[in-house]
Amino acid sequence: MPDNGRRKNIMGDKILGISAFYHDSAAALVVDGQIVAAAQEERFTRIKHDYYFPTNAVAYCLKEAGISAESASDWMWFGHGGTNPEVDLTR
């Protein structure tokens, strides 16, 4: 499969994955190809099936890895196909 110069080695990278605005929002952090932390937002808000942006889950993942949001090399987004949220990821 051609990579068009876009594929890169995930080793050494810090990838923050986010799922929100559909069902059970969550975040996960992969560092050097290994899952370092993952959490669903409902564990922090106590709102069953919380679908809002997972602010608390993201903070937890970053804290577990001992990194800041700025040091994440990539942010990956999963969104439901029927939604097109305008999200400010700089907050």
C-alpha atoms as a PDB file:
ATOM      1  CA  MET A   1       0.000   0.000   0.000  1.00  0.00           C
ATOM      2  CA  PRO A   2       1.550   3.350  -0.992  1.00  0.00           C
ATOM      3  CA  ASP A   3       2.065   5.734   1.866  1.00  0.00           C
ATOM      4  CA  ASN A   4       2.190   8.967  -0.167  1.00  0.00           C
ATOM      5  CA  GLY A   5       4.731  10.231   2.353  1.00  0.00           C
ATOM      6  CA  ARG A   6       2.074  10.271   5.076  1.00  0.00           C
ATOM      7  CA  ARG A   7       2.772   6.991   6.856  1.00  0.00           C
ATOM      8  CA  LYS A   8       5.196   7.250   9.717  1.00  0.00           C
ATOM      9  CA  ASN A   9       6.700   5.017  12.328  1.00  0.00           C
ATOM     10  CA  ILE A  10       4.636   5.156  15.528  1.00  0.00           C
ATOM     11  CA  MET A  11       7.603   4.103  17.651  1.00  0.00           C
ATOM     12  CA  GLY A  12       8.680   7.056  19.778  1.00  0.00           C
ATOM     13  CA  ASP A  13       5.423   8.854  19.136  1.00  0.00           C
ATOM     14  CA  LYS A  14       2.838   9.865  21.717  1.00  0.00           C
ATOM     15  CA  ILE A  15      -0.593   9.448  20.145  1.00  0.00           C
ATOM     16  CA  LEU A  16      -3.701  10.671  21.945  1.00  0.00           C
ATOM     17  CA  GLY A  17      -6.936   9.138  20.678  1.00  0.00           C
ATOM     18  CA  ILE A  18     -10.286  10.779  21.403  1.00  0.00           C
ATOM     19  CA  SER A  19     -13.847   9.599  20.888  1.00  0.00           C
ATOM     20  CA  ALA A  20     -16.716  11.963  21.672  1.00  0.00           C
ATOM     21  CA  PHE A  21     -20.126  13.357  20.780  1.00  0.00           C
ATOM     22  CA  TYR A  22     -21.737   9.999  20.112  1.00  0.00           C
ATOM     23  CA  HIS A  23     -21.748   7.389  22.872  1.00  0.00           C
ATOM     24  CA  ASP A  24     -19.432   6.761  25.807  1.00  0.00           C
ATOM     25  CA  SER A  25     -16.781   9.390  25.108  1.00  0.00           C
ATOM     26  CA  ALA A  26     -13.254   8.308  25.946  1.00  0.00           C
ATOM     27  CA  ALA A  27      -9.551   8.936  25.499  1.00  0.00           C
ATOM     28  CA  ALA A  28      -6.533   6.679  25.123  1.00  0.00           C
ATOM     29  CA  LEU A  29      -2.819   7.360  24.937  1.00  0.00           C
ATOM     30  CA  VAL A  30      -0.325   5.204  23.049  1.00  0.00           C
ATOM     31  CA  VAL A  31       3.389   5.815  23.647  1.00  0.00           C
ATOM     32  CA  ASP A  32       6.055   3.942  21.704  1.00  0.00           C
ATOM     33  CA  GLY A  33       3.372   1.618  20.333  1.00  0.00           C
ATOM     34  CA  GLN A  34       2.088   0.630  23.790  1.00  0.00           C
ATOM     35  CA  ILE A  35      -1.198   1.629  25.426  1.00  0.00           C
ATOM     36  CA  VAL A  36      -0.223   3.744  28.417  1.00  0.00           C
ATOM     37  CA  ALA A  37      -3.661   4.876  29.581  1.00  0.00           C
ATOM     38  CA  ALA A  38      -7.311   4.769  28.559  1.00  0.00           C
ATOM     39  CA  ALA A  39     -10.472   5.963  30.259  1.00  0.00           C
ATOM     40  CA  GLN A  40     -14.130   6.660  29.613  1.00  0.00           C
ATOM     41  CA  GLU A  41     -15.423  10.094  30.601  1.00  0.00           C
ATOM     42  CA  GLU A  42     -18.326   8.602  32.564  1.00  0.00           C
ATOM     43  CA  ARG A  43     -15.839   7.300  35.164  1.00  0.00           C
ATOM     44  CA  PHE A  44     -15.102  10.905  36.104  1.00  0.00           C
ATOM     45  CA  THR A  45     -18.462  12.617  35.565  1.00  0.00           C
ATOM     46  CA  ARG A  46     -20.628   9.744  36.846  1.00  0.00           C
ATOM     47  CA  ILE A  47     -22.972  10.366  33.896  1.00  0.00           C
ATOM     48  CA  LYS A  48     -23.819   7.022  32.311  1.00  0.00           C
ATOM     49  CA  HIS A  49     -22.942   6.963  28.581  1.00  0.00           C
ATOM     50  CA  ASP A  50     -21.516  10.510  28.794  1.00  0.00           C
ATOM     51  CA  TYR A  51     -21.015  11.680  25.202  1.00  0.00           C
ATOM     52  CA  TYR A  52     -19.520  15.134  25.793  1.00  0.00           C
ATOM     53  CA  PHE A  53     -15.882  15.936  25.017  1.00  0.00           C
ATOM     54  CA  PRO A  54     -13.792  13.748  27.386  1.00  0.00           C
ATOM     55  CA  THR A  55     -11.864  16.514  29.126  1.00  0.00           C
ATOM     56  CA  ASN A  56     -11.319  14.487  32.296  1.00  0.00           C
ATOM     57  CA  ALA A  57     -10.324  11.307  30.442  1.00  0.00           C
ATOM     58  CA  VAL A  58      -7.792  13.241  28.340  1.00  0.00           C
ATOM     59  CA  ALA A  59      -6.309  14.839  31.470  1.00  0.00           C
ATOM     60  CA  TYR A  60      -6.078  11.428  33.139  1.00  0.00           C
ATOM     61  CA  CYS A  61      -4.253   9.883  30.159  1.00  0.00           C
ATOM     62  CA  LEU A  62      -1.769  12.743  29.943  1.00  0.00           C
ATOM     63  CA  LYS A  63      -1.137  12.623  33.692  1.00  0.00           C
ATOM     64  CA  GLU A  64      -0.582   8.851  33.642  1.00  0.00           C
ATOM     65  CA  ALA A  65       2.068   9.277  30.940  1.00  0.00           C
ATOM     66  CA  GLY A  66       3.584  12.344  32.593  1.00  0.00           C
ATOM     67  CA  ILE A  67       3.288  14.457  29.450  1.00  0.00           C
ATOM     68  CA  SER A  68       1.531  17.658  28.425  1.00  0.00           C
ATOM     69  CA  ALA A  69      -0.990  18.025  25.613  1.00  0.00           C
ATOM     70  CA  GLU A  70       1.611  19.971  23.634  1.00  0.00           C
ATOM     71  CA  SER A  71       4.059  17.065  23.726  1.00  0.00           C
ATOM     72  CA  ALA A  72       1.626  14.639  22.080  1.00  0.00           C
ATOM     73  CA  SER A  73       2.952  14.016  18.585  1.00  0.00           C
ATOM     74  CA  ASP A  74      -0.477  13.232  17.133  1.00  0.00           C
ATOM     75  CA  TRP A  75      -4.115  13.550  18.093  1.00  0.00           C
ATOM     76  CA  MET A  76      -6.462  10.999  16.534  1.00  0.00           C
ATOM     77  CA  TRP A  77     -10.191  11.595  16.386  1.00  0.00           C
ATOM     78  CA  PHE A  78     -13.060   9.135  16.189  1.00  0.00           C
ATOM     79  CA  GLY A  79     -16.433  10.637  15.510  1.00  0.00           C
ATOM     80  CA  HIS A  80     -19.768   9.178  14.556  1.00  0.00           C
ATOM     81  CA  GLY A  81     -20.309   9.349  10.804  1.00  0.00           C
ATOM     82  CA  GLY A  82     -23.426  11.482  11.158  1.00  0.00           C
ATOM     83  CA  THR A  83     -21.797  14.216  13.219  1.00  0.00           C
ATOM     84  CA  ASN A  84     -19.488  17.030  12.276  1.00  0.00           C
ATOM     85  CA  PRO A  85     -18.639  18.789  15.535  1.00  0.00           C
ATOM     86  CA  GLU A  86     -16.543  21.911  15.527  1.00  0.00           C
ATOM     87  CA  VAL A  87     -14.121  21.122  18.296  1.00  0.00           C
ATOM     88  CA  ASP A  88     -11.457  23.379  19.729  1.00  0.00           C
ATOM     89  CA  LEU A  89      -8.720  20.936  20.734  1.00  0.00           C
ATOM     90  CA  THR A  90      -6.475  23.739  21.976  1.00  0.00           C
ATOM     91  CA  ARG A  91      -8.344  24.170  25.264  1.00  0.00           C
END
